Amino acid sequence: MIPPGALRALLGERRIDVTPLSPGAVHAQGEGRRLGFPVRKLEIGSSVATVRLELGKVPESGDGGALLCRALVELGGVDPRSPACQPGEVPLAASYSWQEGGGIAFEATALARRADLPAASLLVPPPSLPHLPAGLPGVPHGIFLSREALAALRTAPISLPQPRDPQIPGEGVVAVNQSDRLVYMLLDGVAIVAVPAFSAEYVIGPQRGRYLASFRTFLGEKILPPRPIEVPGRVVYGGPPDAGAPASDPARAEADH
């Protein structure tokens, strides 16, 4: 079981680390419609983020929609017991403006009423899953795509000068994370690897050529603009602080060719 306050760290850092929650300042933002359902709009402020919700009135959803709402407000640093989450309402949209910058949004694209759901499909946890008394499932590596899928980002390799830097591999790309948080590397807008704090991942598959590379955190607190790189190559996110300066998480990336 994930304790209250750990959901944000679980999704953003893949660890169970409880952070303080606040009641949040709830402000009504009027009403509207989304996906054919009437919605009420709320804005909830906390020391972590400003969360904007659109809650659809779906009486037959019971407590299910309220559970989703509780999870969404907790991501914004708000106590999930917030009175903003009520039975019979389903979150159809949520957006976050993080206090440290950046943001992320969730949006429902369809909502269907079904009355033929088998009871077994509603069991939590599902009966087919084994019980683990503690911890999270292990992740063998952070690479999301197969070599074949990565190679398909280009129709054919292009001829490039041979890199002189000995840190650059003969093929693929090395993603280096010199910050204190988990980040994701994207090639041409496609997430290819998760790189833990102060570590590196070697990704084999992209064909020789020029790409746009960028880094971001899962929840969007840090999103770097894409920049051109050459593959084979080595891409660095973050870096050590200046002499005498406190440790930080600089939002910068350097590509070595």
Protein backbone atom coordinates (compact mmCIF):
# COMPACT_ATOMS: atom_id res chain seq x y z
CA MET A 1 0.00 0.00 0.00
CA ILE A 2 1.27 3.49 -0.90
CA PRO A 3 0.84 5.90 2.03
CA PRO A 4 -0.70 9.35 1.46
CA GLY A 5 1.92 11.82 0.28
CA ALA A 6 4.05 9.27 -1.60
CA LEU A 7 2.20 9.20 -4.94
CA ARG A 8 4.14 12.08 -6.49
CA ALA A 9 7.53 10.55 -5.61
CA LEU A 10 6.34 7.15 -6.81
CA LEU A 11 5.46 8.44 -10.29
CA GLY A 12 8.22 11.01 -10.61
CA GLU A 13 11.12 9.21 -8.94
CA ARG A 14 10.06 5.53 -8.73
CA ARG A 15 10.47 5.53 -4.96
CA ILE A 16 8.15 5.61 -1.96
CA ASP A 17 8.99 8.85 -0.18
CA VAL A 18 6.28 10.64 1.79
CA THR A 19 6.17 14.42 1.32
CA PRO A 20 4.06 16.88 3.35
CA LEU A 21 0.51 17.55 2.17
CA SER A 22 -1.65 20.64 2.75
CA PRO A 23 -5.43 21.13 2.81
CA GLY A 24 -5.12 23.38 -0.25
CA ALA A 25 -7.01 26.56 -1.01
CA VAL A 26 -10.08 25.60 -3.07
CA HIS A 27 -11.64 28.20 -5.37
CA ALA A 28 -14.72 27.61 -7.55
CA GLN A 29 -14.18 28.54 -11.20
CA GLY A 30 -17.70 28.20 -12.52
CA GLU A 31 -19.39 25.44 -14.48
CA GLY A 32 -19.35 24.09 -18.02
CA ARG A 33 -19.67 20.93 -20.09
CA ARG A 34 -17.15 18.33 -21.26
CA LEU A 35 -17.86 15.12 -23.20
CA GLY A 36 -21.55 15.93 -22.89
CA PHE A 37 -21.54 15.99 -19.08
CA PRO A 38 -22.03 19.03 -16.86
CA VAL A 39 -18.85 19.85 -14.96
CA ARG A 40 -17.88 22.10 -12.10
CA LYS A 41 -14.47 23.76 -12.31
CA LEU A 42 -12.14 24.14 -9.36
CA GLU A 43 -8.72 25.64 -8.73
CA ILE A 44 -6.75 24.30 -5.76
CA GLY A 45 -3.54 26.00 -4.64
CA SER A 46 -0.76 24.45 -2.55
CA SER A 47 2.94 25.01 -1.92
CA VAL A 48 3.63 22.44 -4.66
CA ALA A 49 1.31 23.43 -7.50
CA THR A 50 -1.86 25.07 -8.69
CA VAL A 51 -4.27 22.32 -9.72
CA ARG A 52 -7.22 23.02 -12.02
CA LEU A 53 -9.94 20.37 -12.15
CA GLU A 54 -13.05 19.80 -14.21
CA LEU A 55 -15.32 17.37 -12.37
CA GLY A 56 -18.09 15.76 -14.41
CA LYS A 57 -21.39 14.94 -12.70
CA VAL A 58 -21.84 11.19 -13.23
CA PRO A 59 -24.01 9.91 -10.34
CA GLU A 60 -23.64 6.23 -11.25
CA SER A 61 -19.84 6.45 -10.81
CA GLY A 62 -20.30 6.26 -7.04
CA ASP A 63 -17.03 6.52 -5.13
CA GLY A 64 -14.88 5.53 -8.13
CA GLY A 65 -14.57 9.04 -9.50
CA ALA A 66 -13.81 10.42 -6.06
CA LEU A 67 -10.87 7.99 -5.72
CA LEU A 68 -9.43 9.24 -9.01
CA CYS A 69 -9.95 12.82 -7.86
CA ARG A 70 -8.11 12.08 -4.60
CA ALA A 71 -5.13 10.75 -6.55
CA LEU A 72 -5.05 13.79 -8.83
CA VAL A 73 -5.13 16.34 -6.01
CA GLU A 74 -2.46 14.43 -4.09
CA LEU A 75 -0.13 14.83 -7.07
CA GLY A 76 -0.44 18.56 -6.50
CA GLY A 77 0.56 18.33 -2.85
CA VAL A 78 -3.03 18.48 -1.56
CA ASP A 79 -4.39 16.16 1.14
CA PRO A 80 -6.53 13.52 -0.67
CA ARG A 81 -9.24 14.00 1.98
CA SER A 82 -9.97 17.36 0.35
CA PRO A 83 -13.69 18.21 0.22
CA ALA A 84 -13.18 19.01 -3.47
CA CYS A 85 -13.53 15.29 -4.24
CA GLN A 86 -17.14 14.13 -3.95
CA PRO A 87 -18.92 10.85 -4.80
CA GLY A 88 -20.80 10.91 -8.08
CA GLU A 89 -18.22 13.10 -9.84
CA VAL A 90 -15.49 11.99 -12.26
CA PRO A 91 -12.43 14.13 -13.09
CA LEU A 92 -12.54 14.76 -16.84
CA ALA A 93 -9.59 17.17 -16.95
CA ALA A 94 -6.75 18.17 -14.63
CA SER A 95 -3.85 20.54 -15.20
CA TYR A 96 -0.90 21.39 -12.96
CA SER A 97 1.25 24.50 -12.80
CA TRP A 98 4.21 23.57 -10.60
CA GLN A 99 5.60 26.20 -8.27
CA GLU A 100 9.13 25.43 -9.51
CA GLY A 101 8.03 25.88 -13.14
CA GLY A 102 6.62 23.70 -15.88
CA GLY A 103 3.38 21.81 -15.85
CA ILE A 104 1.43 18.81 -17.05
CA ALA A 105 -2.19 18.08 -17.98
CA PHE A 106 -4.53 15.09 -18.06
CA GLU A 107 -7.68 14.97 -20.16
CA ALA A 108 -10.36 12.33 -20.62
CA THR A 109 -11.09 11.76 -24.30
CA ALA A 110 -14.14 9.51 -23.85
CA LEU A 111 -16.53 8.47 -21.09
CA ALA A 112 -18.87 5.55 -21.68
CA ARG A 113 -21.55 4.06 -19.47
CA ARG A 114 -21.35 0.26 -19.17
CA ALA A 115 -23.59 -1.99 -17.14
CA ASP A 116 -22.13 -5.37 -18.18
CA LEU A 117 -18.83 -5.33 -16.30
CA PRO A 118 -18.05 -8.70 -14.68
CA ALA A 119 -17.49 -8.47 -10.93
CA ALA A 120 -14.04 -10.15 -11.19
CA SER A 121 -12.72 -7.28 -13.32
CA LEU A 122 -13.45 -4.83 -10.51
CA LEU A 123 -11.38 -6.62 -7.86
CA VAL A 124 -8.46 -4.62 -6.45
CA PRO A 125 -5.84 -5.98 -6.62
CA PRO A 126 -6.64 -8.26 -9.58
CA PRO A 127 -6.66 -11.95 -8.57
CA SER A 128 -3.92 -12.83 -11.10
CA LEU A 129 -1.29 -10.60 -9.46
CA PRO A 130 1.01 -11.97 -6.71
CA HIS A 131 1.17 -10.15 -3.38
CA LEU A 132 4.44 -8.49 -2.44
CA PRO A 133 4.74 -7.49 1.21
CA ALA A 134 6.99 -4.49 0.52
CA GLY A 135 8.80 -2.53 -2.16
CA LEU A 136 8.15 -1.90 -5.84
CA PRO A 137 8.62 -4.28 -8.79
CA GLY A 138 12.16 -4.30 -10.14
CA VAL A 139 12.91 -2.62 -13.45
CA PRO A 140 15.67 -4.41 -15.41
CA HIS A 141 16.51 -1.28 -17.40
CA GLY A 142 15.00 2.06 -18.27
CA ILE A 143 14.95 1.62 -22.06
CA PHE A 144 11.40 1.74 -23.43
CA LEU A 145 11.80 0.64 -27.06
CA SER A 146 13.40 -2.31 -28.81
CA ARG A 147 16.41 -1.85 -31.08
CA GLU A 148 14.15 -2.40 -34.08
CA ALA A 149 11.71 0.30 -32.94
CA LEU A 150 14.55 2.75 -32.28
CA ALA A 151 16.07 2.04 -35.70
CA ALA A 152 12.69 2.81 -37.28
CA LEU A 153 13.01 6.46 -36.21
CA ARG A 154 15.01 6.88 -39.44
CA THR A 155 14.56 5.20 -42.82
CA ALA A 156 18.32 4.89 -43.35
CA PRO A 157 21.58 5.99 -41.71
CA ILE A 158 23.49 9.01 -42.98
CA SER A 159 27.22 9.47 -43.29
CA LEU A 160 28.77 11.54 -40.50
CA PRO A 161 32.38 12.30 -39.52
CA GLN A 162 33.80 9.80 -37.05
CA PRO A 163 33.65 11.35 -33.52
CA ARG A 164 37.03 11.97 -31.89
CA ASP A 165 35.79 11.95 -28.30
CA PRO A 166 36.63 8.54 -26.71
CA GLN A 167 33.49 8.80 -24.54
CA ILE A 168 31.25 8.55 -27.58
CA PRO A 169 30.32 4.94 -28.43
CA GLY A 170 30.62 3.35 -31.83
CA GLU A 171 26.84 3.20 -32.15
CA GLY A 172 23.78 4.43 -30.30
CA VAL A 173 23.65 7.18 -27.71
CA VAL A 174 24.73 7.56 -24.08
CA ALA A 175 22.29 9.57 -21.94
CA VAL A 176 24.00 11.06 -18.87
CA ASN A 177 22.05 12.49 -15.94
CA GLN A 178 24.16 14.70 -13.66
CA SER A 179 21.17 15.91 -11.60
CA ASP A 180 19.59 14.59 -8.40
CA ARG A 181 16.29 13.47 -9.98
CA LEU A 182 15.08 10.86 -12.43
CA VAL A 183 14.76 12.27 -15.97
CA TYR A 184 13.57 10.96 -19.31
CA MET A 185 15.43 11.41 -22.57
CA LEU A 186 13.44 11.95 -25.79
CA LEU A 187 14.61 11.59 -29.38
CA ASP A 188 12.48 13.46 -31.89
CA GLY A 189 9.81 13.76 -29.21
CA VAL A 190 9.74 10.01 -28.42
CA ALA A 191 10.67 8.95 -24.88
CA ILE A 192 13.40 6.32 -25.23
CA VAL A 193 14.97 5.92 -21.78
CA ALA A 194 14.61 6.82 -18.09
CA VAL A 195 17.93 7.84 -16.52
CA PRO A 196 18.21 7.70 -12.71
CA ALA A 197 19.92 10.49 -10.77
CA PHE A 198 23.71 10.73 -11.18
CA SER A 199 23.91 7.86 -13.65
CA ALA A 200 24.00 7.07 -17.36
CA GLU A 201 22.17 4.73 -19.74
CA TYR A 202 23.49 3.37 -23.04
CA VAL A 203 20.83 3.03 -25.73
CA ILE A 204 21.59 0.96 -28.84
CA GLY A 205 19.28 1.11 -31.83
CA PRO A 206 19.02 4.63 -33.29
CA GLN A 207 20.62 4.75 -36.71
CA ARG A 208 23.54 7.03 -37.45
CA GLY A 209 22.16 10.49 -38.11
CA ARG A 210 20.95 13.78 -36.69
CA TYR A 211 18.13 13.96 -34.16
CA LEU A 212 16.44 16.37 -31.76
CA ALA A 213 17.13 15.38 -28.14
CA SER A 214 15.50 16.70 -24.99
CA PHE A 215 15.08 15.82 -21.32
CA ARG A 216 12.11 16.10 -18.98
CA THR A 217 10.82 14.86 -15.66
CA PHE A 218 7.77 12.60 -15.65
CA LEU A 219 5.44 15.22 -14.14
CA GLY A 220 6.87 18.11 -16.15
CA GLU A 221 8.58 20.15 -13.41
CA LYS A 222 11.59 20.34 -15.74
CA ILE A 223 11.14 20.30 -19.52
CA LEU A 224 14.12 21.23 -21.66
CA PRO A 225 13.62 22.41 -25.24
CA PRO A 226 14.86 20.00 -27.90
CA ARG A 227 18.32 20.54 -29.36
CA PRO A 228 20.07 18.91 -32.33
CA ILE A 229 22.51 16.05 -31.68
CA GLU A 230 24.37 13.52 -33.78
CA VAL A 231 24.18 9.77 -33.23
CA PRO A 232 26.46 8.07 -32.26
CA GLY A 233 26.69 10.59 -29.46
CA ARG A 234 26.63 11.40 -25.78
CA VAL A 235 24.02 13.73 -24.28
CA VAL A 236 24.32 15.24 -20.79
CA TYR A 237 21.57 16.64 -18.57
CA GLY A 238 22.51 18.89 -15.66
CA GLY A 239 25.98 19.34 -14.28
CA PRO A 240 28.03 19.97 -11.16
CA PRO A 241 27.53 23.33 -9.39
CA ASP A 242 30.04 26.13 -9.72
CA ALA A 243 32.82 26.23 -7.15
CA GLY A 244 31.42 27.51 -3.86
CA ALA A 245 27.83 27.40 -5.10
CA PRO A 246 25.19 25.22 -3.43
CA ALA A 247 24.17 22.01 -5.14
CA SER A 248 21.33 22.47 -7.61
CA ASP A 249 19.48 20.88 -10.49
CA PRO A 250 20.45 23.09 -13.46
CA ALA A 251 18.03 22.82 -16.34
CA ARG A 252 20.55 22.48 -19.10
CA ALA A 253 21.78 19.81 -21.46
CA GLU A 254 25.03 19.47 -23.35
CA ALA A 255 25.50 17.31 -26.41
CA ASP A 256 28.95 15.97 -27.17
CA HIS A 257 29.80 15.06 -30.75
